[in-house]
C-alpha cells in the first residue's frame, strides 16, 4: 500500500463537480485540500495559507491557468503548479513547462496518475523549499572573473557541445545555463530545466524520459518527458552529480546517441537537444570512488565553466547589491533605495557563504524591513546579526562577555541558553509578521525560511 501523502494542495477549478471529486480524492490520500473557483481567489489563499502545491485547470473564466501559473511563479517561486486540461498537446505542454509548470495532466485523469503527479510535485517543493533562484536576466558583476566567465559562455553558446557548469551553490549556475541558451541559435526553442537532486531514481527517470500508458501504476496516459519537451532547444540538468548509476547509464546513451525510449515503451525516439549540466559536487573524486561513471563525466565535461564564489570577486558586491536593491524595491512597491558608504563597506566585508543567492535574499530583506530611502550601516548591522554565517560589524553592539551570566527579564535567575533561543526566535517571528502586515508568505521570505517551516514555528510558539 502506498504511503499516505502529506502536504497541502490548492485546487483551482471553476467546475464544482470536478473540484468536488478531485478534492475528495486528494483528501482521501492524506492531503489537506483548499478549493477555489478562480485564479484571483487562489492568489488570496496563497497569501494566507501554507500551500505546498497548486493544481489548476487551464481554461477558466477571467484568469486562465497559464496566467495563474505566471503569477504564482512570480510571487511564490517555491510553490509548484500542476495544470489540468482536456485539450493537452505536446506544444501546449512545452509552453507550460517554459512558463514554469511542474507538470500537466490530461482529462479524464486516473486516480493513480493524479496522485503520482502530486507526489512528484511535493518532492519538488521539498527540494526547492530552501532554494531561491536568481531572478535576473543577465550577469550583473563586471569584474575580471565574471567577464571571463561570460565570454566563455558566449563562445560555447554558438556550438552544440555539452556545457558543464561547476561551482558552489548560489553562484548562479542556472542563470549561466540560461545565458548559454539565450545566446545560442536555439534561443527560439524551449529551455527546459530538471533539478536532479529533488527526485528519487524512479521519478527522475520518468520525468526525464517520459512514459507510456500502463508503464507503471498511475501511468494512465502516455506522457512526454523533459527530454522530449526540450527537442529543438536546451535541456538544463541541475545537480547532475546526484543521479544514480542506473540513470547515469541511460543518460550517457542519450547524450551520445541523441536517442531514448519512454518508460514502458519499445520505440526508439530521436531528439535534437543541447545539454547543459551543473553541479557543486567534486565529480573527479566521485569518478575515482566509482560513484560517477568516467565515460559520462567526459561526455559532460566537454566545455567546463567554473563560476567563482562571491568572496573571490569582491568587486562585484557593490553592483550586485545596488541591482538587487532596485529589483526588490520595484517588486515590493517601494521607492528607490540608496546605500550609504558605511552600509556598502559592511556588505563588502562579508564572506557570503551562500554567494550571490544569499546576497540577493539579504538585500530583499533590507528593502522590506528598512524605512529608507537610504540604507545605513546600522540597517545592515541589524540584519547581519540575524543571519548565521555572517559577521557582525563595528556598528553593532558587542555581545556580553562569555563569563557574565545573562539575567532574565525579571532580574532574578539567569536564563538558560535554550530559553534565550526560544525567546529570541519567538520575537523574530513576531517582528517579521508585523513588518509583513501579517502576510505569512512575506514573513517567511523576510526570515529566510520556507513557508512550511514558518507555520511549524508559529505553531510551536503558539502564534497560529
Protein backbone atom coordinates (compact mmCIF):
# COMPACT_ATOMS: atom_id res chain seq x y z
CA UNK A 1 0.00 0.00 0.00
CA UNK A 2 1.35 3.42 -0.96
CA UNK A 3 2.47 5.70 1.82
CA UNK A 4 -0.09 8.47 2.57
CA UNK A 5 0.75 11.82 1.06
CA UNK A 6 1.50 14.73 3.39
CA UNK A 7 1.07 18.35 2.49
CA UNK A 8 -1.45 20.96 1.40
CA UNK A 9 -2.89 21.37 -2.07
CA UNK A 10 -4.73 24.36 -3.51
CA UNK A 11 -7.24 23.12 -6.10
CA UNK A 12 -8.38 25.74 -8.63
CA UNK A 13 -11.29 24.80 -10.92
CA UNK A 14 -14.45 26.63 -11.90
CA UNK A 15 -16.31 23.32 -12.36
CA UNK A 16 -17.84 22.40 -8.96
CA UNK A 17 -18.24 18.74 -9.94
CA UNK A 18 -14.58 18.30 -10.89
CA UNK A 19 -13.45 20.21 -7.81
CA UNK A 20 -15.59 18.03 -5.52
CA UNK A 21 -14.41 14.72 -6.99
CA UNK A 22 -10.74 15.68 -7.22
CA UNK A 23 -10.80 17.32 -3.79
CA UNK A 24 -12.23 14.19 -2.21
CA UNK A 25 -9.63 12.02 -3.95
CA UNK A 26 -6.74 14.16 -2.70
CA UNK A 27 -8.17 14.37 0.84
CA UNK A 28 -8.56 10.60 0.92
CA UNK A 29 -4.87 10.30 0.05
CA UNK A 30 -3.98 12.27 3.20
CA UNK A 31 -3.59 15.76 1.75
CA UNK A 32 -5.05 18.97 3.14
CA UNK A 33 -7.15 20.43 0.34
CA UNK A 34 -8.18 24.06 -0.22
CA UNK A 35 -10.59 24.71 -3.11
CA UNK A 36 -11.16 27.93 -5.07
CA UNK A 37 -13.14 28.73 -8.23
CA UNK A 38 -10.84 31.31 -9.80
CA UNK A 39 -7.25 32.45 -10.11
CA UNK A 40 -7.94 35.60 -8.10
CA UNK A 41 -9.29 33.56 -5.17
CA UNK A 42 -6.30 31.24 -5.42
CA UNK A 43 -3.82 34.11 -5.08
CA UNK A 44 -5.66 35.35 -1.99
CA UNK A 45 -5.42 31.90 -0.38
CA UNK A 46 -1.71 31.63 -1.22
CA UNK A 47 -1.06 34.82 0.73
CA UNK A 48 -2.51 33.42 3.94
CA UNK A 49 -2.21 29.62 3.96
CA UNK A 50 0.77 27.21 3.77
CA UNK A 51 0.22 25.75 0.30
CA UNK A 52 2.68 23.13 -0.98
CA UNK A 53 1.26 22.52 -4.48
CA UNK A 54 -1.25 24.31 -6.73
CA UNK A 55 -3.40 22.18 -9.06
CA UNK A 56 -5.25 24.32 -11.59
CA UNK A 57 -7.49 23.88 -14.59
CA UNK A 58 -6.18 25.64 -17.70
CA UNK A 59 -9.41 27.00 -19.15
CA UNK A 60 -11.25 29.18 -16.64
CA UNK A 61 -13.18 32.44 -16.99
CA UNK A 62 -11.18 35.52 -16.04
CA UNK A 63 -7.65 34.44 -15.17
CA UNK A 64 -6.61 31.31 -17.07
CA UNK A 65 -4.48 28.55 -15.62
CA UNK A 66 -1.44 29.77 -17.57
CA UNK A 67 -1.97 33.32 -16.27
CA UNK A 68 -2.29 31.97 -12.72
CA UNK A 69 0.92 29.98 -13.29
CA UNK A 70 2.73 33.20 -14.21
CA UNK A 71 1.53 34.95 -11.05
CA UNK A 72 2.43 32.04 -8.77
CA UNK A 73 5.87 31.70 -10.39
CA UNK A 74 6.49 35.42 -9.85
CA UNK A 75 5.24 35.75 -6.26
CA UNK A 76 5.58 32.20 -4.84
CA UNK A 77 8.54 30.66 -6.64
CA UNK A 78 8.76 27.75 -4.17
CA UNK A 79 5.21 26.53 -4.93
CA UNK A 80 4.99 24.12 -7.90
CA UNK A 81 1.94 24.36 -10.18
CA UNK A 82 0.33 21.37 -11.89
CA UNK A 83 -2.01 22.18 -14.79
CA UNK A 84 -5.01 20.08 -15.82
CA UNK A 85 -6.53 20.26 -19.28
CA UNK A 86 -8.89 18.39 -21.57
CA UNK A 87 -7.08 19.76 -24.62
CA UNK A 88 -3.49 18.76 -23.95
CA UNK A 89 -0.89 18.59 -26.68
CA UNK A 90 2.89 18.44 -26.69
CA UNK A 91 3.18 22.11 -27.88
CA UNK A 92 0.93 23.20 -25.03
CA UNK A 93 2.97 21.14 -22.57
CA UNK A 94 6.12 22.83 -23.87
CA UNK A 95 4.51 26.23 -23.37
CA UNK A 96 3.51 25.30 -19.82
CA UNK A 97 6.97 23.97 -18.97
CA UNK A 98 8.65 27.07 -20.39
CA UNK A 99 6.34 29.15 -18.21
CA UNK A 100 7.41 27.19 -15.12
CA UNK A 101 4.76 24.48 -14.63
CA UNK A 102 5.86 21.49 -12.55
CA UNK A 103 3.71 19.09 -14.59
CA UNK A 104 0.48 18.73 -16.58
CA UNK A 105 -2.34 16.17 -16.55
CA UNK A 106 -4.84 15.33 -19.26
CA UNK A 107 -8.56 14.88 -18.63
CA UNK A 108 -10.03 12.40 -17.97
CA UNK A 109 -7.37 11.52 -15.41
CA UNK A 110 -6.84 8.33 -13.48
CA UNK A 111 -6.70 8.31 -9.66
CA UNK A 112 -3.23 6.79 -9.55
CA UNK A 113 -1.98 9.19 -12.21
CA UNK A 114 -3.04 12.31 -10.31
CA UNK A 115 -1.58 11.00 -7.04
CA UNK A 116 1.65 10.04 -8.78
CA UNK A 117 1.93 13.56 -10.24
CA UNK A 118 1.12 15.25 -6.92
CA UNK A 119 3.75 13.13 -5.18
CA UNK A 120 6.35 14.32 -7.70
CA UNK A 121 5.30 17.93 -7.18
CA UNK A 122 5.54 17.57 -3.40
CA UNK A 123 9.05 16.17 -3.74
CA UNK A 124 9.98 19.11 -5.93
CA UNK A 125 8.53 21.52 -3.36
CA UNK A 126 10.62 19.92 -0.62
CA UNK A 127 13.72 20.07 -2.80
CA UNK A 128 13.14 23.72 -3.71
CA UNK A 129 11.98 24.91 -0.29
CA UNK A 130 15.31 26.39 0.69
CA UNK A 131 16.31 27.41 -2.83
CA UNK A 132 15.85 30.94 -4.07
CA UNK A 133 16.97 31.03 -7.68
CA UNK A 134 18.27 34.28 -9.12
CA UNK A 135 15.59 36.33 -10.80
CA UNK A 136 17.85 38.37 -13.05
CA UNK A 137 18.20 38.04 -16.79
CA UNK A 138 21.97 38.63 -17.16
CA UNK A 139 25.16 38.77 -15.11
CA UNK A 140 25.49 42.00 -13.15
CA UNK A 141 29.07 41.78 -11.86
CA UNK A 142 31.63 43.35 -14.17
CA UNK A 143 34.85 42.22 -12.51
CA UNK A 144 37.53 40.37 -14.45
CA UNK A 145 36.45 36.92 -13.18
CA UNK A 146 32.84 37.21 -14.32
CA UNK A 147 33.81 38.92 -17.57
CA UNK A 148 35.90 35.85 -18.41
CA UNK A 149 33.03 33.52 -17.47
CA UNK A 150 30.54 35.42 -19.62
CA UNK A 151 32.94 35.47 -22.57
CA UNK A 152 33.45 31.71 -22.29
CA UNK A 153 29.68 31.07 -22.05
CA UNK A 154 29.05 33.22 -25.11
CA UNK A 155 31.67 31.36 -27.15
CA UNK A 156 30.30 28.00 -26.03
CA UNK A 157 26.73 29.04 -26.90
CA UNK A 158 27.48 29.24 -30.60
CA UNK A 159 28.13 25.49 -30.84
CA UNK A 160 26.31 22.34 -29.76
CA UNK A 161 28.84 20.91 -27.28
CA UNK A 162 27.68 19.99 -23.79
CA UNK A 163 28.48 22.61 -21.16
CA UNK A 164 29.24 21.60 -17.56
CA UNK A 165 28.78 24.41 -15.02
CA UNK A 166 30.83 23.99 -11.84
CA UNK A 167 30.94 25.96 -8.62
CA UNK A 168 29.46 26.40 -5.16
CA UNK A 169 25.73 26.65 -4.53
CA UNK A 170 24.33 30.10 -5.10
CA UNK A 171 26.91 31.22 -7.68
CA UNK A 172 24.34 31.47 -10.49
CA UNK A 173 24.66 28.22 -12.44
CA UNK A 174 21.04 28.25 -13.57
CA UNK A 175 21.45 31.83 -14.74
CA UNK A 176 24.60 30.78 -16.64
CA UNK A 177 22.67 27.96 -18.33
CA UNK A 178 20.04 30.46 -19.47
CA UNK A 179 22.80 32.72 -20.82
CA UNK A 180 24.07 29.81 -22.95
CA UNK A 181 20.56 29.13 -24.28
CA UNK A 182 19.70 32.78 -24.98
CA UNK A 183 22.98 33.36 -26.84
CA UNK A 184 22.66 30.21 -28.95
CA UNK A 185 20.95 29.54 -32.30
CA UNK A 186 18.40 27.58 -30.24
CA UNK A 187 17.14 30.66 -28.42
CA UNK A 188 13.71 30.38 -30.06
CA UNK A 189 13.37 26.77 -28.85
CA UNK A 190 12.38 25.62 -25.35
CA UNK A 191 14.63 25.95 -22.31
CA UNK A 192 13.65 23.04 -20.06
CA UNK A 193 15.00 22.58 -16.52
CA UNK A 194 15.22 19.47 -14.36
CA UNK A 195 16.56 19.51 -10.79
CA UNK A 196 18.03 16.02 -10.49
CA UNK A 197 18.56 16.16 -6.72
CA UNK A 198 14.87 16.79 -5.99
CA UNK A 199 13.58 13.41 -7.21
CA UNK A 200 14.34 9.76 -6.35
CA UNK A 201 15.57 7.48 -9.12
CA UNK A 202 12.20 6.14 -10.31
CA UNK A 203 10.56 9.56 -10.52
CA UNK A 204 13.66 11.15 -12.05
CA UNK A 205 13.72 8.54 -14.81
CA UNK A 206 10.05 9.04 -15.70
CA UNK A 207 10.45 12.81 -15.51
CA UNK A 208 13.47 12.71 -17.81
CA UNK A 209 12.34 10.17 -20.43
CA UNK A 210 8.55 10.19 -20.10
CA UNK A 211 6.43 7.04 -20.07
CA UNK A 212 3.87 5.02 -21.98
CA UNK A 213 0.36 4.27 -20.78
CA UNK A 214 0.46 1.34 -18.35
CA UNK A 215 4.22 1.57 -17.79
CA UNK A 216 3.60 1.54 -14.03
CA UNK A 217 0.82 2.13 -11.53
CA UNK A 218 -0.51 5.62 -12.13
CA UNK A 219 0.54 5.83 -15.79
CA UNK A 220 -2.97 6.26 -17.19
CA UNK A 221 -1.84 8.03 -20.35
CA UNK A 222 1.30 8.47 -22.40
CA UNK A 223 3.34 11.43 -21.19
CA UNK A 224 6.41 13.03 -22.79
CA UNK A 225 9.45 13.59 -20.58
CA UNK A 226 11.68 16.64 -20.26
CA UNK A 227 13.99 15.33 -23.00
CA UNK A 228 11.13 15.24 -25.50
CA UNK A 229 9.82 18.64 -24.38
CA UNK A 230 13.28 20.15 -24.91
CA UNK A 231 13.50 18.97 -28.53
CA UNK A 232 14.94 21.78 -30.64
CA UNK A 233 16.11 23.63 -27.54
CA UNK A 234 18.20 23.24 -24.41
CA UNK A 235 17.85 20.80 -21.51
CA UNK A 236 19.38 22.04 -18.25
CA UNK A 237 20.20 19.23 -15.80
CA UNK A 238 20.87 20.80 -12.41
CA UNK A 239 22.79 18.88 -9.72
CA UNK A 240 23.86 16.20 -12.19
CA UNK A 241 26.22 14.75 -9.57
CA UNK A 242 23.24 13.39 -7.62
CA UNK A 243 21.91 10.94 -10.23
CA UNK A 244 22.18 7.20 -9.56
CA UNK A 245 24.36 4.77 -11.58
CA UNK A 246 21.26 3.34 -13.31
CA UNK A 247 20.18 6.76 -14.59
CA UNK A 248 23.80 7.59 -15.48
CA UNK A 249 23.82 4.68 -17.96
CA UNK A 250 20.65 5.89 -19.70
CA UNK A 251 21.80 9.49 -19.71
CA UNK A 252 25.13 8.51 -21.29
CA UNK A 253 23.31 6.83 -24.18
CA UNK A 254 21.04 9.84 -24.58
CA UNK A 255 23.95 12.27 -24.81
CA UNK A 256 25.99 10.02 -27.13
CA UNK A 257 23.28 8.83 -29.49
CA UNK A 258 20.58 11.52 -29.00
CA UNK A 259 18.02 8.73 -28.69
CA UNK A 260 15.96 7.14 -25.90
CA UNK A 261 12.84 5.12 -25.10
CA UNK A 262 10.00 6.20 -22.86
CA UNK A 263 9.49 4.03 -19.79
CA UNK A 264 7.40 1.02 -20.76
CA UNK A 265 7.96 1.69 -24.46
CA UNK A 266 9.80 -0.12 -27.23
CA UNK A 267 10.01 2.66 -29.81
CA UNK A 268 13.38 4.43 -30.04
CA UNK A 269 12.92 8.19 -30.27
CA UNK A 270 15.43 10.63 -31.73
CA UNK A 271 15.82 14.12 -30.26
CA UNK A 272 17.74 17.27 -31.11
CA UNK A 273 18.71 18.64 -27.69
CA UNK A 274 21.58 20.78 -26.39
CA UNK A 275 22.67 19.64 -22.91
CA UNK A 276 23.82 21.95 -20.15
CA UNK A 277 24.55 20.35 -16.77
CA UNK A 278 25.52 21.81 -13.40
CA UNK A 279 26.88 20.54 -10.10
CA UNK A 280 28.61 21.72 -6.95
CA UNK A 281 29.97 18.23 -6.25
CA UNK A 282 33.59 17.08 -6.89
CA UNK A 283 32.93 14.82 -9.89
CA UNK A 284 36.61 13.90 -10.32
CA UNK A 285 36.73 12.46 -6.80
CA UNK A 286 33.40 10.70 -7.37
CA UNK A 287 34.82 9.07 -10.51
CA UNK A 288 37.82 7.77 -8.53
CA UNK A 289 35.49 6.33 -5.90
CA UNK A 290 33.29 4.67 -8.51
CA UNK A 291 30.29 6.86 -7.65
CA UNK A 292 30.11 8.54 -11.05
CA UNK A 293 30.77 6.99 -14.46
CA UNK A 294 34.03 8.14 -16.02
CA UNK A 295 32.66 7.99 -19.57
CA UNK A 296 29.65 10.10 -18.59
CA UNK A 297 31.91 12.62 -16.88
CA UNK A 298 33.94 13.07 -20.08
CA UNK A 299 30.74 13.40 -22.12
CA UNK A 300 29.51 16.15 -19.80
CA UNK A 301 32.85 17.89 -19.33
CA UNK A 302 33.31 19.00 -22.94
CA UNK A 303 33.15 22.70 -22.09
CA UNK A 304 33.70 23.09 -18.33
CA UNK A 305 32.89 26.50 -16.87
CA UNK A 306 33.72 27.34 -13.26
CA UNK A 307 31.64 30.06 -11.61
CA UNK A 308 33.70 31.77 -8.88
CA UNK A 309 32.24 32.31 -5.38
CA UNK A 310 31.32 35.87 -4.45
CA UNK A 311 34.18 36.11 -1.91
CA UNK A 312 36.62 35.60 -4.80
CA UNK A 313 35.23 38.62 -6.65
CA UNK A 314 34.53 41.28 -4.00
CA UNK A 315 34.48 43.96 -6.71
CA UNK A 316 31.07 42.58 -7.77
CA UNK A 317 29.42 43.04 -4.36
CA UNK A 318 28.57 46.70 -4.94
CA UNK A 319 26.94 46.39 -8.40
CA UNK A 320 25.06 43.27 -7.30
CA UNK A 321 23.81 44.92 -4.10
CA UNK A 322 22.64 48.02 -5.98
CA UNK A 323 20.98 45.87 -8.64
CA UNK A 324 19.08 43.79 -6.08
CA UNK A 325 18.01 46.98 -4.27
CA UNK A 326 16.47 48.26 -7.48
CA UNK A 327 14.81 44.95 -8.38
CA UNK A 328 13.28 44.35 -4.94
CA UNK A 329 12.22 47.95 -4.40
CA UNK A 330 10.13 47.70 -7.58
CA UNK A 331 8.81 44.25 -6.66
CA UNK A 332 7.72 45.42 -3.21
CA UNK A 333 6.26 48.76 -4.33
CA UNK A 334 8.94 50.82 -2.55
CA UNK A 335 10.70 53.99 -3.61
CA UNK A 336 14.29 53.59 -4.94
CA UNK A 337 16.91 52.92 -2.25
CA UNK A 338 20.47 54.19 -1.94
CA UNK A 339 23.39 52.72 0.01
CA UNK A 340 25.45 54.79 2.43
CA UNK A 341 29.24 54.38 2.42
CA UNK A 342 29.29 52.51 5.74
CA UNK A 343 26.48 50.19 4.58
CA UNK A 344 28.40 49.31 1.43
CA UNK A 345 31.57 48.76 3.46
CA UNK A 346 29.72 46.35 5.75
CA UNK A 347 28.36 44.40 2.79
CA UNK A 348 31.76 44.15 1.13
CA UNK A 349 33.33 42.85 4.36
CA UNK A 350 31.08 39.76 4.43
CA UNK A 351 32.21 36.29 3.27
CA UNK A 352 28.74 35.49 1.81
CA UNK A 353 28.99 31.69 2.17
CA UNK A 354 25.70 31.39 0.25
CA UNK A 355 27.19 33.51 -2.55
CA UNK A 356 25.06 35.68 -4.85
CA UNK A 357 21.84 33.96 -3.80
CA UNK A 358 22.46 34.86 -0.16
CA UNK A 359 23.29 38.47 -1.03
CA UNK A 360 20.10 38.70 -3.09
CA UNK A 361 17.94 37.42 -0.23
CA UNK A 362 19.71 39.73 2.21
CA UNK A 363 19.08 42.81 0.07
CA UNK A 364 15.42 41.88 -0.33
CA UNK A 365 15.11 41.62 3.45
CA UNK A 366 16.70 45.07 3.82
CA UNK A 367 14.26 46.58 1.33
CA UNK A 368 11.24 45.22 3.18
CA UNK A 369 12.42 45.86 6.74
CA UNK A 370 14.07 49.27 6.36
CA UNK A 371 12.31 52.62 6.35
CA UNK A 372 14.52 54.05 3.59
CA UNK A 373 15.26 55.70 1.29
CA UNK A 374 18.91 55.40 2.41
CA UNK A 375 20.20 52.11 3.84
CA UNK A 376 22.77 52.83 6.55
CA UNK A 377 25.47 50.78 8.22
CA UNK A 378 23.11 50.45 11.20
CA UNK A 379 20.41 48.90 8.98
CA UNK A 380 22.92 46.41 7.60
CA UNK A 381 24.33 45.59 11.04
CA UNK A 382 20.87 44.89 12.44
CA UNK A 383 20.12 42.34 9.74
CA UNK A 384 23.62 40.82 9.85
CA UNK A 385 23.05 39.96 13.49
CA UNK A 386 20.13 37.75 12.47
CA UNK A 387 21.99 35.84 9.77
CA UNK A 388 24.02 32.70 10.51
CA UNK A 389 27.43 32.63 8.82
CA UNK A 390 27.70 36.41 8.53
CA UNK A 391 29.89 38.67 10.64
CA UNK A 392 28.63 41.49 12.87
CA UNK A 393 30.03 44.91 12.04
CA UNK A 394 31.53 47.56 14.29
CA UNK A 395 28.19 49.42 14.36
CA UNK A 396 26.61 46.51 16.16
CA UNK A 397 26.73 46.45 19.95
CA UNK A 398 29.25 43.99 21.37
CA UNK A 399 27.76 40.83 22.90
CA UNK A 400 28.01 40.26 26.64
CA UNK A 401 31.10 38.54 27.99
CA UNK A 402 31.04 34.76 27.86
CA UNK A 403 31.75 34.66 31.59
CA UNK A 404 28.93 37.03 32.51
CA UNK A 405 25.53 35.46 33.32
CA UNK A 406 22.58 36.75 31.36
CA UNK A 407 19.83 37.97 33.63
CA UNK A 408 16.21 37.13 33.00
CA UNK A 409 13.65 39.82 32.33
CA UNK A 410 12.61 39.70 35.98
CA UNK A 411 16.21 40.28 37.13
CA UNK A 412 16.32 37.08 39.20
CA UNK A 413 17.50 33.71 37.83
CA UNK A 414 19.77 33.70 34.76
CA UNK A 415 18.16 32.30 31.61
CA UNK A 416 19.26 29.03 30.08
CA UNK A 417 20.65 29.08 26.55
CA UNK A 418 17.60 27.19 25.28
CA UNK A 419 15.12 29.61 26.85
CA UNK A 420 17.03 32.55 25.38
CA UNK A 421 16.96 30.89 21.98
CA UNK A 422 13.20 30.33 22.16
CA UNK A 423 12.56 33.91 23.30
CA UNK A 424 14.72 35.30 20.50
CA UNK A 425 13.07 33.06 17.92
CA UNK A 426 9.58 34.00 19.10
CA UNK A 427 10.39 37.70 18.95
CA UNK A 428 11.85 37.32 15.46
CA UNK A 429 8.62 35.65 14.32
CA UNK A 430 6.52 38.46 15.81
CA UNK A 431 8.73 41.13 14.25
CA UNK A 432 8.54 39.53 10.83
CA UNK A 433 4.74 39.18 10.98
CA UNK A 434 4.42 42.82 11.99
CA UNK A 435 6.73 44.01 9.24
CA UNK A 436 4.88 41.88 6.68
CA UNK A 437 1.44 43.09 7.74
CA UNK A 438 0.60 39.54 8.86
CA UNK A 439 1.26 38.19 5.37
CA UNK A 440 2.70 34.76 6.19
CA UNK A 441 4.39 34.27 2.82
CA UNK A 442 6.22 37.59 3.02
CA UNK A 443 7.14 36.93 6.67
CA UNK A 444 8.77 33.63 5.67
CA UNK A 445 10.80 35.39 2.98
CA UNK A 446 11.93 38.03 5.48
CA UNK A 447 13.14 35.33 7.86
CA UNK A 448 14.87 33.38 5.07
CA UNK A 449 12.86 30.19 5.67
CA UNK A 450 10.23 28.25 3.74
CA UNK A 451 6.54 28.92 4.41
CA UNK A 452 6.10 25.41 5.76
CA UNK A 453 8.90 26.00 8.30
CA UNK A 454 7.27 29.31 9.26
CA UNK A 455 3.93 27.65 10.00
CA UNK A 456 5.64 24.94 12.04
CA UNK A 457 7.45 27.61 14.08
CA UNK A 458 4.26 29.63 14.61
CA UNK A 459 2.51 26.51 15.87
CA UNK A 460 5.47 25.66 18.12
CA UNK A 461 5.33 29.10 19.74
CA UNK A 462 1.53 29.24 19.97
CA UNK A 463 1.25 32.07 17.43
CA UNK A 464 -1.09 30.40 14.92
